[in-house]
Amino acid sequence: MKFMKQFGIILFITFLGEVLKAVIPLPIPASIYGLMLMLIALMTGIVKIEDVKQAGRFLIEVMPMMFIPAAVGIIAAWPVLEPILGSVVIITIVSTVLVMGIAGRVTQFVNRIGRK
């Protein structure tokens, strides 16, 4: 029953993210709205980490399985991707390095603020 409550909280916040996506006309995915709502709820104490910790750990553990449909989709779209494979690989490498660098800088910045 504990897992049901925790999943219910996560699903409710995800639903609120979907509602915000429908109401606010910005090109932001509903999942980002949901993550921001969860962050706000955790920071304000509306939701305590213990209220979602076990369900969150479970979802992280099964996350690799969620990539299987995407991989199958890439395989199914191979005839379309093959002519532009070089460009896709370069864009993927550059964007990955860029995201890693920016995430590292932001983390360092937040750590510095936290120490003060």
PDB file of N, CA and C in Angstrom:
ATOM      1  N   MET A   1       0.824  -1.201   0.000  1.00  0.00           N
ATOM      2  CA  MET A   1       0.000   0.000   0.000  1.00  0.00           C
ATOM      3  C   MET A   1       0.866   1.262   0.000  1.00  0.00           C
ATOM      4  N   LYS A   2       2.052   1.150   0.605  1.00  0.00           N
ATOM      5  CA  LYS A   2       2.951   2.287   0.659  1.00  0.00           C
ATOM      6  C   LYS A   2       3.383   2.714  -0.754  1.00  0.00           C
ATOM      7  N   PHE A   3       3.703   1.702  -1.599  1.00  0.00           N
ATOM      8  CA  PHE A   3       4.096   2.013  -2.968  1.00  0.00           C
ATOM      9  C   PHE A   3       2.961   2.671  -3.731  1.00  0.00           C
ATOM     10  N   MET A   4       1.746   2.217  -3.504  1.00  0.00           N
ATOM     11  CA  MET A   4       0.594   2.791  -4.203  1.00  0.00           C
ATOM     12  C   MET A   4       0.460   4.282  -3.876  1.00  0.00           C
ATOM     13  N   LYS A   5       0.641   4.622  -2.610  1.00  0.00           N
ATOM     14  CA  LYS A   5       0.556   6.024  -2.209  1.00  0.00           C
ATOM     15  C   LYS A   5       1.663   6.836  -2.865  1.00  0.00           C
ATOM     16  N   GLN A   6       2.885   6.287  -2.865  1.00  0.00           N
ATOM     17  CA  GLN A   6       4.010   7.009  -3.443  1.00  0.00           C
ATOM     18  C   GLN A   6       3.843   7.187  -4.950  1.00  0.00           C
ATOM     19  N   PHE A   7       3.431   6.113  -5.633  1.00  0.00           N
ATOM     20  CA  PHE A   7       3.179   6.238  -7.067  1.00  0.00           C
ATOM     21  C   PHE A   7       2.029   7.196  -7.334  1.00  0.00           C
ATOM     22  N   GLY A   8       1.038   7.193  -6.475  1.00  0.00           N
ATOM     23  CA  GLY A   8      -0.080   8.123  -6.627  1.00  0.00           C
ATOM     24  C   GLY A   8       0.369   9.573  -6.564  1.00  0.00           C
ATOM     25  N   ILE A   9       1.268   9.874  -5.636  1.00  0.00           N
ATOM     26  CA  ILE A   9       1.795  11.240  -5.522  1.00  0.00           C
ATOM     27  C   ILE A   9       2.550  11.618  -6.788  1.00  0.00           C
ATOM     28  N   ILE A  10       3.412  10.705  -7.244  1.00  0.00           N
ATOM     29  CA  ILE A  10       4.194  10.988  -8.454  1.00  0.00           C
ATOM     30  C   ILE A  10       3.267  11.151  -9.658  1.00  0.00           C
ATOM     31  N   LEU A  11       2.280  10.284  -9.787  1.00  0.00           N
ATOM     32  CA  LEU A  11       1.348  10.383 -10.916  1.00  0.00           C
ATOM     33  C   LEU A  11       0.506  11.655 -10.852  1.00  0.00           C
ATOM     34  N   PHE A  12       0.115  12.066  -9.650  1.00  0.00           N
ATOM     35  CA  PHE A  12      -0.667  13.294  -9.519  1.00  0.00           C
ATOM     36  C   PHE A  12       0.150  14.504  -9.963  1.00  0.00           C
ATOM     37  N   ILE A  13       1.405  14.559  -9.548  1.00  0.00           N
ATOM     38  CA  ILE A  13       2.251  15.688  -9.950  1.00  0.00           C
ATOM     39  C   ILE A  13       2.511  15.638 -11.453  1.00  0.00           C
ATOM     40  N   THR A  14       2.672  14.440 -12.000  1.00  0.00           N
ATOM     41  CA  THR A  14       2.819  14.298 -13.448  1.00  0.00           C
ATOM     42  C   THR A  14       1.559  14.792 -14.168  1.00  0.00           C
ATOM     43  N   PHE A  15       0.400  14.461 -13.620  1.00  0.00           N
ATOM     44  CA  PHE A  15      -0.864  14.929 -14.193  1.00  0.00           C
ATOM     45  C   PHE A  15      -0.943  16.460 -14.159  1.00  0.00           C
ATOM     46  N   LEU A  16      -0.527  17.053 -13.043  1.00  0.00           N
ATOM     47  CA  LEU A  16      -0.524  18.515 -12.959  1.00  0.00           C
ATOM     48  C   LEU A  16       0.395  19.126 -14.017  1.00  0.00           C
ATOM     49  N   GLY A  17       1.513  18.459 -14.292  1.00  0.00           N
ATOM     50  CA  GLY A  17       2.407  18.916 -15.362  1.00  0.00           C
ATOM     51  C   GLY A  17       1.713  18.876 -16.713  1.00  0.00           C
ATOM     52  N   GLU A  18       0.933  17.825 -16.952  1.00  0.00           N
ATOM     53  CA  GLU A  18       0.165  17.731 -18.206  1.00  0.00           C
ATOM     54  C   GLU A  18      -0.879  18.846 -18.290  1.00  0.00           C
ATOM     55  N   VAL A  19      -1.513  19.150 -17.169  1.00  0.00           N
ATOM     56  CA  VAL A  19      -2.506  20.234 -17.145  1.00  0.00           C
ATOM     57  C   VAL A  19      -1.830  21.568 -17.458  1.00  0.00           C
ATOM     58  N   LEU A  20      -0.681  21.821 -16.832  1.00  0.00           N
ATOM     59  CA  LEU A  20       0.041  23.071 -17.103  1.00  0.00           C
ATOM     60  C   LEU A  20       0.439  23.172 -18.568  1.00  0.00           C
ATOM     61  N   LYS A  21       0.859  22.063 -19.156  1.00  0.00           N
ATOM     62  CA  LYS A  21       1.228  22.054 -20.572  1.00  0.00           C
ATOM     63  C   LYS A  21       0.039  22.437 -21.442  1.00  0.00           C
ATOM     64  N   ALA A  22      -1.141  21.966 -21.083  1.00  0.00           N
ATOM     65  CA  ALA A  22      -2.343  22.281 -21.858  1.00  0.00           C
ATOM     66  C   ALA A  22      -2.779  23.727 -21.668  1.00  0.00           C
ATOM     67  N   VAL A  23      -2.519  24.286 -20.482  1.00  0.00           N
ATOM     68  CA  VAL A  23      -2.994  25.633 -20.158  1.00  0.00           C
ATOM     69  C   VAL A  23      -2.007  26.718 -20.595  1.00  0.00           C
ATOM     70  N   ILE A  24      -0.730  26.472 -20.406  1.00  0.00           N
ATOM     71  CA  ILE A  24       0.294  27.476 -20.717  1.00  0.00           C
ATOM     72  C   ILE A  24       0.821  27.236 -22.124  1.00  0.00           C
ATOM     73  N   PRO A  25       0.691  28.211 -23.007  1.00  0.00           N
ATOM     74  CA  PRO A  25       1.086  28.014 -24.413  1.00  0.00           C
ATOM     75  C   PRO A  25       2.592  28.229 -24.646  1.00  0.00           C
ATOM     76  N   LEU A  26       3.421  27.490 -23.956  1.00  0.00           N
ATOM     77  CA  LEU A  26       4.871  27.571 -24.156  1.00  0.00           C
ATOM     78  C   LEU A  26       5.376  26.231 -24.693  1.00  0.00           C
ATOM     79  N   PRO A  27       6.460  26.250 -25.449  1.00  0.00           N
ATOM     80  CA  PRO A  27       6.987  24.981 -25.987  1.00  0.00           C
ATOM     81  C   PRO A  27       7.833  24.219 -24.962  1.00  0.00           C
ATOM     82  N   ILE A  28       7.254  23.972 -23.801  1.00  0.00           N
ATOM     83  CA  ILE A  28       7.939  23.246 -22.726  1.00  0.00           C
ATOM     84  C   ILE A  28       7.207  21.919 -22.536  1.00  0.00           C
ATOM     85  N   PRO A  29       7.950  20.817 -22.512  1.00  0.00           N
ATOM     86  CA  PRO A  29       7.286  19.514 -22.328  1.00  0.00           C
ATOM     87  C   PRO A  29       6.597  19.412 -20.968  1.00  0.00           C
ATOM     88  N   ALA A  30       5.542  18.641 -20.928  1.00  0.00           N
ATOM     89  CA  ALA A  30       4.786  18.449 -19.685  1.00  0.00           C
ATOM     90  C   ALA A  30       5.660  17.817 -18.609  1.00  0.00           C
ATOM     91  N   SER A  31       6.607  16.971 -19.011  1.00  0.00           N
ATOM     92  CA  SER A  31       7.486  16.336 -18.025  1.00  0.00           C
ATOM     93  C   SER A  31       8.334  17.361 -17.288  1.00  0.00           C
ATOM     94  N   ILE A  32       8.730  18.423 -17.965  1.00  0.00           N
ATOM     95  CA  ILE A  32       9.521  19.480 -17.315  1.00  0.00           C
ATOM     96  C   ILE A  32       8.655  20.224 -16.306  1.00  0.00           C
ATOM     97  N   TYR A  33       7.412  20.510 -16.680  1.00  0.00           N
ATOM     98  CA  TYR A  33       6.490  21.125 -15.717  1.00  0.00           C
ATOM     99  C   TYR A  33       6.336  20.230 -14.490  1.00  0.00           C
ATOM    100  N   GLY A  34       6.175  18.927 -14.719  1.00  0.00           N
ATOM    101  CA  GLY A  34       6.031  17.992 -13.605  1.00  0.00           C
ATOM    102  C   GLY A  34       7.263  17.960 -12.719  1.00  0.00           C
ATOM    103  N   LEU A  35       8.452  17.953 -13.336  1.00  0.00           N
ATOM    104  CA  LEU A  35       9.681  17.965 -12.544  1.00  0.00           C
ATOM    105  C   LEU A  35       9.801  19.239 -11.712  1.00  0.00           C
ATOM    106  N   MET A  36       9.428  20.358 -12.305  1.00  0.00           N
ATOM    107  CA  MET A  36       9.493  21.618 -11.561  1.00  0.00           C
ATOM    108  C   MET A  36       8.481  21.621 -10.411  1.00  0.00           C
ATOM    109  N   LEU A  37       7.300  21.099 -10.664  1.00  0.00           N
ATOM    110  CA  LEU A  37       6.304  21.011  -9.589  1.00  0.00           C
ATOM    111  C   LEU A  37       6.786  20.101  -8.462  1.00  0.00           C
ATOM    112  N   MET A  38       7.412  18.981  -8.821  1.00  0.00           N
ATOM    113  CA  MET A  38       7.937  18.071  -7.798  1.00  0.00           C
ATOM    114  C   MET A  38       9.046  18.747  -7.008  1.00  0.00           C
ATOM    115  N   LEU A  39       9.925  19.459  -7.701  1.00  0.00           N
ATOM    116  CA  LEU A  39      10.998  20.183  -7.011  1.00  0.00           C
ATOM    117  C   LEU A  39      10.429  21.206  -6.038  1.00  0.00           C
ATOM    118  N   ILE A  40       9.457  21.966  -6.490  1.00  0.00           N
ATOM    119  CA  ILE A  40       8.829  22.971  -5.621  1.00  0.00           C
ATOM    120  C   ILE A  40       8.148  22.303  -4.432  1.00  0.00           C
ATOM    121  N   ALA A  41       7.440  21.200  -4.696  1.00  0.00           N
ATOM    122  CA  ALA A  41       6.749  20.493  -3.615  1.00  0.00           C
ATOM    123  C   ALA A  41       7.738  19.941  -2.591  1.00  0.00           C
ATOM    124  N   LEU A  42       8.862  19.438  -3.061  1.00  0.00           N
ATOM    125  CA  LEU A  42       9.871  18.906  -2.136  1.00  0.00           C
ATOM    126  C   LEU A  42      10.565  20.027  -1.361  1.00  0.00           C
ATOM    127  N   MET A  43      10.871  21.121  -2.039  1.00  0.00           N
ATOM    128  CA  MET A  43      11.578  22.222  -1.375  1.00  0.00           C
ATOM    129  C   MET A  43      10.701  22.936  -0.351  1.00  0.00           C
ATOM    130  N   THR A  44       9.406  23.013  -0.616  1.00  0.00           N
ATOM    131  CA  THR A  44       8.508  23.699   0.313  1.00  0.00           C
ATOM    132  C   THR A  44       7.998  22.780   1.424  1.00  0.00           C
ATOM    133  N   GLY A  45       8.233  21.488   1.279  1.00  0.00           N
ATOM    134  CA  GLY A  45       7.785  20.554   2.300  1.00  0.00           C
ATOM    135  C   GLY A  45       6.369  20.053   2.089  1.00  0.00           C
ATOM    136  N   ILE A  46       5.745  20.441   0.983  1.00  0.00           N
ATOM    137  CA  ILE A  46       4.406  19.928   0.683  1.00  0.00           C
ATOM    138  C   ILE A  46       4.477  18.412   0.531  1.00  0.00           C
ATOM    139  N   VAL A  47       5.525  17.955  -0.140  1.00  0.00           N
ATOM    140  CA  VAL A  47       5.810  16.526  -0.270  1.00  0.00           C
ATOM    141  C   VAL A  47       7.153  16.284   0.392  1.00  0.00           C
ATOM    142  N   LYS A  48       7.210  15.335   1.274  1.00  0.00           N
ATOM    143  CA  LYS A  48       8.469  14.984   1.924  1.00  0.00           C
ATOM    144  C   LYS A  48       9.145  13.887   1.113  1.00  0.00           C
ATOM    145  N   ILE A  49      10.464  13.881   1.133  1.00  0.00           N
ATOM    146  CA  ILE A  49      11.217  12.918   0.335  1.00  0.00           C
ATOM    147  C   ILE A  49      10.825  11.486   0.687  1.00  0.00           C
ATOM    148  N   GLU A  50      10.506  11.237   1.952  1.00  0.00           N
ATOM    149  CA  GLU A  50      10.102   9.894   2.364  1.00  0.00           C
ATOM    150  C   GLU A  50       8.794   9.467   1.698  1.00  0.00           C
ATOM    151  N   ASP A  51       7.985  10.454   1.274  1.00  0.00           N
ATOM    152  CA  ASP A  51       6.699  10.161   0.651  1.00  0.00           C
ATOM    153  C   ASP A  51       6.836   9.619  -0.771  1.00  0.00           C
ATOM    154  N   VAL A  52       8.009   9.780  -1.387  1.00  0.00           N
ATOM    155  CA  VAL A  52       8.192   9.336  -2.774  1.00  0.00           C
ATOM    156  C   VAL A  52       9.516   8.595  -2.997  1.00  0.00           C
ATOM    157  N   LYS A  53      10.294   8.403  -1.958  1.00  0.00           N
ATOM    158  CA  LYS A  53      11.653   7.868  -2.107  1.00  0.00           C
ATOM    159  C   LYS A  53      11.688   6.457  -2.689  1.00  0.00           C
ATOM    160  N   GLN A  54      10.924   5.539  -2.138  1.00  0.00           N
ATOM    161  CA  GLN A  54      10.975   4.146  -2.600  1.00  0.00           C
ATOM    162  C   GLN A  54      10.435   3.997  -4.019  1.00  0.00           C
ATOM    163  N   ALA A  55       9.355   4.665  -4.330  1.00  0.00           N
ATOM    164  CA  ALA A  55       8.805   4.595  -5.687  1.00  0.00           C
ATOM    165  C   ALA A  55       9.767   5.242  -6.677  1.00  0.00           C
ATOM    166  N   GLY A  56      10.397   6.334  -6.275  1.00  0.00           N
ATOM    167  CA  GLY A  56      11.383   6.984  -7.127  1.00  0.00           C
ATOM    168  C   GLY A  56      12.580   6.087  -7.403  1.00  0.00           C
ATOM    169  N   ARG A  57      13.051   5.399  -6.383  1.00  0.00           N
ATOM    170  CA  ARG A  57      14.164   4.456  -6.583  1.00  0.00           C
ATOM    171  C   ARG A  57      13.773   3.340  -7.542  1.00  0.00           C
ATOM    172  N   PHE A  58      12.566   2.823  -7.379  1.00  0.00           N
ATOM    173  CA  PHE A  58      12.102   1.771  -8.282  1.00  0.00           C
ATOM    174  C   PHE A  58      12.065   2.273  -9.719  1.00  0.00           C
ATOM    175  N   LEU A  59      11.531   3.469  -9.930  1.00  0.00           N
ATOM    176  CA  LEU A  59      11.444   4.011 -11.283  1.00  0.00           C
ATOM    177  C   LEU A  59      12.830   4.222 -11.898  1.00  0.00           C
ATOM    178  N   ILE A  60      13.792   4.624 -11.086  1.00  0.00           N
ATOM    179  CA  ILE A  60      15.157   4.789 -11.588  1.00  0.00           C
ATOM    180  C   ILE A  60      15.762   3.431 -11.950  1.00  0.00           C
ATOM    181  N   GLU A  61      15.453   2.410 -11.157  1.00  0.00           N
ATOM    182  CA  GLU A  61      15.984   1.074 -11.443  1.00  0.00           C
ATOM    183  C   GLU A  61      15.451   0.506 -12.760  1.00  0.00           C
ATOM    184  N   VAL A  62      14.204   0.788 -13.088  1.00  0.00           N
ATOM    185  CA  VAL A  62      13.617   0.236 -14.315  1.00  0.00           C
ATOM    186  C   VAL A  62      13.770   1.181 -15.507  1.00  0.00           C
ATOM    187  N   MET A  63      14.398   2.323 -15.304  1.00  0.00           N
ATOM    188  CA  MET A  63      14.540   3.307 -16.376  1.00  0.00           C
ATOM    189  C   MET A  63      15.220   2.752 -17.629  1.00  0.00           C
ATOM    190  N   PRO A  64      16.266   1.927 -17.523  1.00  0.00           N
ATOM    191  CA  PRO A  64      16.878   1.415 -18.760  1.00  0.00           C
ATOM    192  C   PRO A  64      15.895   0.664 -19.660  1.00  0.00           C
ATOM    193  N   MET A  65      14.925   0.005 -19.074  1.00  0.00           N
ATOM    194  CA  MET A  65      13.935  -0.713 -19.885  1.00  0.00           C
ATOM    195  C   MET A  65      13.070   0.245 -20.695  1.00  0.00           C
ATOM    196  N   MET A  66      12.956   1.479 -20.236  1.00  0.00           N
ATOM    197  CA  MET A  66      12.131   2.458 -20.940  1.00  0.00           C
ATOM    198  C   MET A  66      12.767   2.901 -22.260  1.00  0.00           C
ATOM    199  N   PHE A  67      14.070   2.630 -22.435  1.00  0.00           N
ATOM    200  CA  PHE A  67      14.752   3.020 -23.663  1.00  0.00           C
ATOM    201  C   PHE A  67      14.616   1.969 -24.766  1.00  0.00           C
ATOM    202  N   ILE A  68      14.114   0.795 -24.437  1.00  0.00           N
ATOM    203  CA  ILE A  68      13.971  -0.266 -25.438  1.00  0.00           C
ATOM    204  C   ILE A  68      13.049   0.155 -26.586  1.00  0.00           C
ATOM    205  N   PRO A  69      11.866   0.738 -26.319  1.00  0.00           N
ATOM    206  CA  PRO A  69      11.022   1.161 -27.453  1.00  0.00           C
ATOM    207  C   PRO A  69      11.700   2.204 -28.345  1.00  0.00           C
ATOM    208  N   ALA A  70      12.474   3.106 -27.756  1.00  0.00           N
ATOM    209  CA  ALA A  70      13.173   4.105 -28.570  1.00  0.00           C
ATOM    210  C   ALA A  70      14.211   3.435 -29.462  1.00  0.00           C
ATOM    211  N   ALA A  71      14.925   2.455 -28.920  1.00  0.00           N
ATOM    212  CA  ALA A  71      15.924   1.744 -29.716  1.00  0.00           C
ATOM    213  C   ALA A  71      15.268   0.981 -30.861  1.00  0.00           C
ATOM    214  N   VAL A  72      14.137   0.368 -30.590  1.00  0.00           N
ATOM    215  CA  VAL A  72      13.413  -0.345 -31.644  1.00  0.00           C
ATOM    216  C   VAL A  72      12.930   0.639 -32.700  1.00  0.00           C
ATOM    217  N   GLY A  73      12.501   1.810 -32.262  1.00  0.00           N
ATOM    218  CA  GLY A  73      12.071   2.834 -33.216  1.00  0.00           C
ATOM    219  C   GLY A  73      13.200   3.285 -34.124  1.00  0.00           C
ATOM    220  N   ILE A  74      14.398   3.396 -33.568  1.00  0.00           N
ATOM    221  CA  ILE A  74      15.557   3.778 -34.388  1.00  0.00           C
ATOM    222  C   ILE A  74      15.856   2.690 -35.405  1.00  0.00           C
ATOM    223  N   ILE A  75      15.788   1.441 -34.976  1.00  0.00           N
ATOM    224  CA  ILE A  75      16.027   0.333 -35.903  1.00  0.00           C
ATOM    225  C   ILE A  75      14.979   0.332 -37.013  1.00  0.00           C
ATOM    226  N   ALA A  76      13.727   0.587 -36.658  1.00  0.00           N
ATOM    227  CA  ALA A  76      12.653   0.613 -37.656  1.00  0.00           C
ATOM    228  C   ALA A  76      12.818   1.773 -38.627  1.00  0.00           C
ATOM    229  N   ALA A  77      13.420   2.875 -38.169  1.00  0.00           N
ATOM    230  CA  ALA A  77      13.591   4.055 -39.018  1.00  0.00           C
ATOM    231  C   ALA A  77      14.954   4.069 -39.710  1.00  0.00           C
ATOM    232  N   TRP A  78      15.683   2.953 -39.691  1.00  0.00           N
ATOM    233  CA  TRP A  78      17.034   2.910 -40.245  1.00  0.00           C
ATOM    234  C   TRP A  78      17.104   3.378 -41.705  1.00  0.00           C
ATOM    235  N   PRO A  79      16.171   2.994 -42.578  1.00  0.00           N
ATOM    236  CA  PRO A  79      16.272   3.467 -43.965  1.00  0.00           C
ATOM    237  C   PRO A  79      16.245   4.999 -44.088  1.00  0.00           C
ATOM    238  N   VAL A  80      15.542   5.648 -43.187  1.00  0.00           N
ATOM    239  CA  VAL A  80      15.482   7.113 -43.207  1.00  0.00           C
ATOM    240  C   VAL A  80      16.750   7.708 -42.597  1.00  0.00           C
ATOM    241  N   LEU A  81      17.275   7.068 -41.558  1.00  0.00           N
ATOM    242  CA  LEU A  81      18.444   7.599 -40.854  1.00  0.00           C
ATOM    243  C   LEU A  81      19.767   7.339 -41.568  1.00  0.00           C
ATOM    244  N   GLU A  82      19.846   6.278 -42.321  1.00  0.00           N
ATOM    245  CA  GLU A  82      21.117   5.887 -42.923  1.00  0.00           C
ATOM    246  C   GLU A  82      21.773   6.991 -43.750  1.00  0.00           C
ATOM    247  N   PRO A  83      21.046   7.717 -44.597  1.00  0.00           N
ATOM    248  CA  PRO A  83      21.709   8.757 -45.395  1.00  0.00           C
ATOM    249  C   PRO A  83      22.248   9.934 -44.566  1.00  0.00           C
ATOM    250  N   ILE A  84      21.673  10.161 -43.401  1.00  0.00           N
ATOM    251  CA  ILE A  84      22.110  11.302 -42.581  1.00  0.00           C
ATOM    252  C   ILE A  84      22.811  10.851 -41.309  1.00  0.00           C
ATOM    253  N   LEU A  85      23.290   9.618 -41.282  1.00  0.00           N
ATOM    254  CA  LEU A  85      23.886   9.057 -40.071  1.00  0.00           C
ATOM    255  C   LEU A  85      25.087   9.870 -39.584  1.00  0.00           C
ATOM    256  N   GLY A  86      25.945  10.296 -40.478  1.00  0.00           N
ATOM    257  CA  GLY A  86      27.125  11.084 -40.078  1.00  0.00           C
ATOM    258  C   GLY A  86      26.732  12.359 -39.346  1.00  0.00           C
ATOM    259  N   SER A  87      25.780  13.080 -39.902  1.00  0.00           N
ATOM    260  CA  SER A  87      25.320  14.324 -39.270  1.00  0.00           C
ATOM    261  C   SER A  87      24.701  14.048 -37.903  1.00  0.00           C
ATOM    262  N   VAL A  88      23.908  12.989 -37.814  1.00  0.00           N
ATOM    263  CA  VAL A  88      23.250  12.650 -36.550  1.00  0.00           C
ATOM    264  C   VAL A  88      24.285  12.300 -35.488  1.00  0.00           C
ATOM    265  N   VAL A  89      25.309  11.545 -35.861  1.00  0.00           N
ATOM    266  CA  VAL A  89      26.352  11.170 -34.902  1.00  0.00           C
ATOM    267  C   VAL A  89      27.113  12.400 -34.423  1.00  0.00           C
ATOM    268  N   ILE A  90      27.475  13.284 -35.334  1.00  0.00           N
ATOM    269  CA  ILE A  90      28.200  14.506 -34.948  1.00  0.00           C
ATOM    270  C   ILE A  90      27.349  15.376 -34.036  1.00  0.00           C
ATOM    271  N   ILE A  91      26.097  15.579 -34.395  1.00  0.00           N
ATOM    272  CA  ILE A  91      25.197  16.392 -33.567  1.00  0.00           C
ATOM    273  C   ILE A  91      25.024  15.764 -32.193  1.00  0.00           C
ATOM    274  N   THR A  92      24.899  14.440 -32.140  1.00  0.00           N
ATOM    275  CA  THR A  92      24.739  13.749 -30.861  1.00  0.00           C
ATOM    276  C   THR A  92      25.970  13.923 -29.982  1.00  0.00           C
ATOM    277  N   ILE A  93      27.151  13.761 -30.551  1.00  0.00           N
ATOM    278  CA  ILE A  93      28.391  13.910 -29.776  1.00  0.00           C
ATOM    279  C   ILE A  93      28.550  15.343 -29.272  1.00  0.00           C
ATOM    280  N   VAL A  94      28.376  16.310 -30.159  1.00  0.00           N
ATOM    281  CA  VAL A  94      28.535  17.717 -29.769  1.00  0.00           C
ATOM    282  C   VAL A  94      27.520  18.113 -28.703  1.00  0.00           C
ATOM    283  N   SER A  95      26.264  17.741 -28.889  1.00  0.00           N
ATOM    284  CA  SER A  95      25.240  18.126 -27.913  1.00  0.00           C
ATOM    285  C   SER A  95      25.459  17.422 -26.572  1.00  0.00           C
ATOM    286  N   THR A  96      25.936  16.180 -26.597  1.00  0.00           N
ATOM    287  CA  THR A  96      26.203  15.465 -25.347  1.00  0.00           C
ATOM    288  C   THR A  96      27.324  16.138 -24.570  1.00  0.00           C
ATOM    289  N   VAL A  97      28.412  16.465 -25.254  1.00  0.00           N
ATOM    290  CA  VAL A  97      29.533  17.143 -24.583  1.00  0.00           C
ATOM    291  C   VAL A  97      29.096  18.500 -24.057  1.00  0.00           C
ATOM    292  N   LEU A  98      28.318  19.238 -24.844  1.00  0.00           N
ATOM    293  CA  LEU A  98      27.829  20.547 -24.420  1.00  0.00           C
ATOM    294  C   LEU A  98      26.947  20.446 -23.181  1.00  0.00           C
ATOM    295  N   VAL A  99      26.014  19.498 -23.177  1.00  0.00           N
ATOM    296  CA  VAL A  99      25.122  19.324 -22.023  1.00  0.00           C
ATOM    297  C   VAL A  99      25.916  18.909 -20.788  1.00  0.00           C
ATOM    298  N   MET A 100      26.884  18.014 -20.957  1.00  0.00           N
ATOM    299  CA  MET A 100      27.704  17.594 -19.818  1.00  0.00           C
ATOM    300  C   MET A 100      28.493  18.770 -19.253  1.00  0.00           C
ATOM    301  N   GLY A 101      29.056  19.584 -20.128  1.00  0.00           N
ATOM    302  CA  GLY A 101      29.824  20.745 -19.674  1.00  0.00           C
ATOM    303  C   GLY A 101      28.966  21.762 -18.945  1.00  0.00           C
ATOM    304  N   ILE A 102      27.821  22.066 -19.509  1.00  0.00           N
ATOM    305  CA  ILE A 102      26.923  23.040 -18.871  1.00  0.00           C
ATOM    306  C   ILE A 102      26.393  22.497 -17.549  1.00  0.00           C
ATOM    307  N   ALA A 103      26.033  21.223 -17.526  1.00  0.00           N
ATOM    308  CA  ALA A 103      25.544  20.624 -16.274  1.00  0.00           C
ATOM    309  C   ALA A 103      26.629  20.665 -15.202  1.00  0.00           C
ATOM    310  N   GLY A 104      27.860  20.408 -15.584  1.00  0.00           N
ATOM    311  CA  GLY A 104      28.969  20.477 -14.624  1.00  0.00           C
ATOM    312  C   GLY A 104      29.164  21.882 -14.084  1.00  0.00           C
ATOM    313  N   ARG A 105      29.119  22.860 -14.958  1.00  0.00           N
ATOM    314  CA  ARG A 105      29.272  24.260 -14.520  1.00  0.00           C
ATOM    315  C   ARG A 105      28.136  24.684 -13.593  1.00  0.00           C
ATOM    316  N   VAL A 106      26.922  24.321 -13.943  1.00  0.00           N
ATOM    317  CA  VAL A 106      25.775  24.670 -13.103  1.00  0.00           C
ATOM    318  C   VAL A 106      25.903  24.003 -11.737  1.00  0.00           C
ATOM    319  N   THR A 107      26.338  22.755 -11.722  1.00  0.00           N
ATOM    320  CA  THR A 107      26.527  22.039 -10.455  1.00  0.00           C
ATOM    321  C   THR A 107      27.583  22.716  -9.604  1.00  0.00           C
ATOM    322  N   GLN A 108      28.685  23.094 -10.211  1.00  0.00           N
ATOM    323  CA  GLN A 108      29.732  23.810  -9.466  1.00  0.00           C
ATOM    324  C   GLN A 108      29.204  25.130  -8.913  1.00  0.00           C
ATOM    325  N   PHE A 109      28.428  25.848  -9.714  1.00  0.00           N
ATOM    326  CA  PHE A 109      27.861  27.119  -9.277  1.00  0.00           C
ATOM    327  C   PHE A 109      26.928  26.922  -8.088  1.00  0.00           C
ATOM    328  N   VAL A 110      26.070  25.923  -8.176  1.00  0.00           N
ATOM    329  CA  VAL A 110      25.129  25.658  -7.085  1.00  0.00           C
ATOM    330  C   VAL A 110      25.879  25.231  -5.825  1.00  0.00           C
ATOM    331  N   ASN A 111      26.920  24.429  -5.978  1.00  0.00           N
ATOM    332  CA  ASN A 111      27.727  24.033  -4.823  1.00  0.00           C
ATOM    333  C   ASN A 111      28.390  25.218  -4.163  1.00  0.00           C
ATOM    334  N   ARG A 112      28.907  26.147  -4.970  1.00  0.00           N
ATOM    335  CA  ARG A 112      29.525  27.360  -4.402  1.00  0.00           C
ATOM    336  C   ARG A 112      28.508  28.190  -3.631  1.00  0.00           C
ATOM    337  N   ILE A 113      27.319  28.319  -4.175  1.00  0.00           N
ATOM    338  CA  ILE A 113      26.258  29.083  -3.493  1.00  0.00           C
ATOM    339  C   ILE A 113      25.887  28.382  -2.192  1.00  0.00           C
ATOM    340  N   GLY A 114      25.811  27.060  -2.238  1.00  0.00           N
ATOM    341  CA  GLY A 114      25.445  26.292  -1.044  1.00  0.00           C
ATOM    342  C   GLY A 114      26.447  26.400   0.087  1.00  0.00           C
ATOM    343  N   ARG A 115      27.724  26.580  -0.260  1.00  0.00           N
ATOM    344  CA  ARG A 115      28.757  26.711   0.774  1.00  0.00           C
ATOM    345  C   ARG A 115      28.706  28.057   1.478  1.00  0.00           C
ATOM    346  N   LYS A 116      28.175  29.073   0.817  1.00  0.00           N
ATOM    347  CA  LYS A 116      28.151  30.423   1.381  1.00  0.00           C
ATOM    348  C   LYS A 116      27.053  30.594   2.377  1.00  0.00           C
TER     349      LYS A 116
END
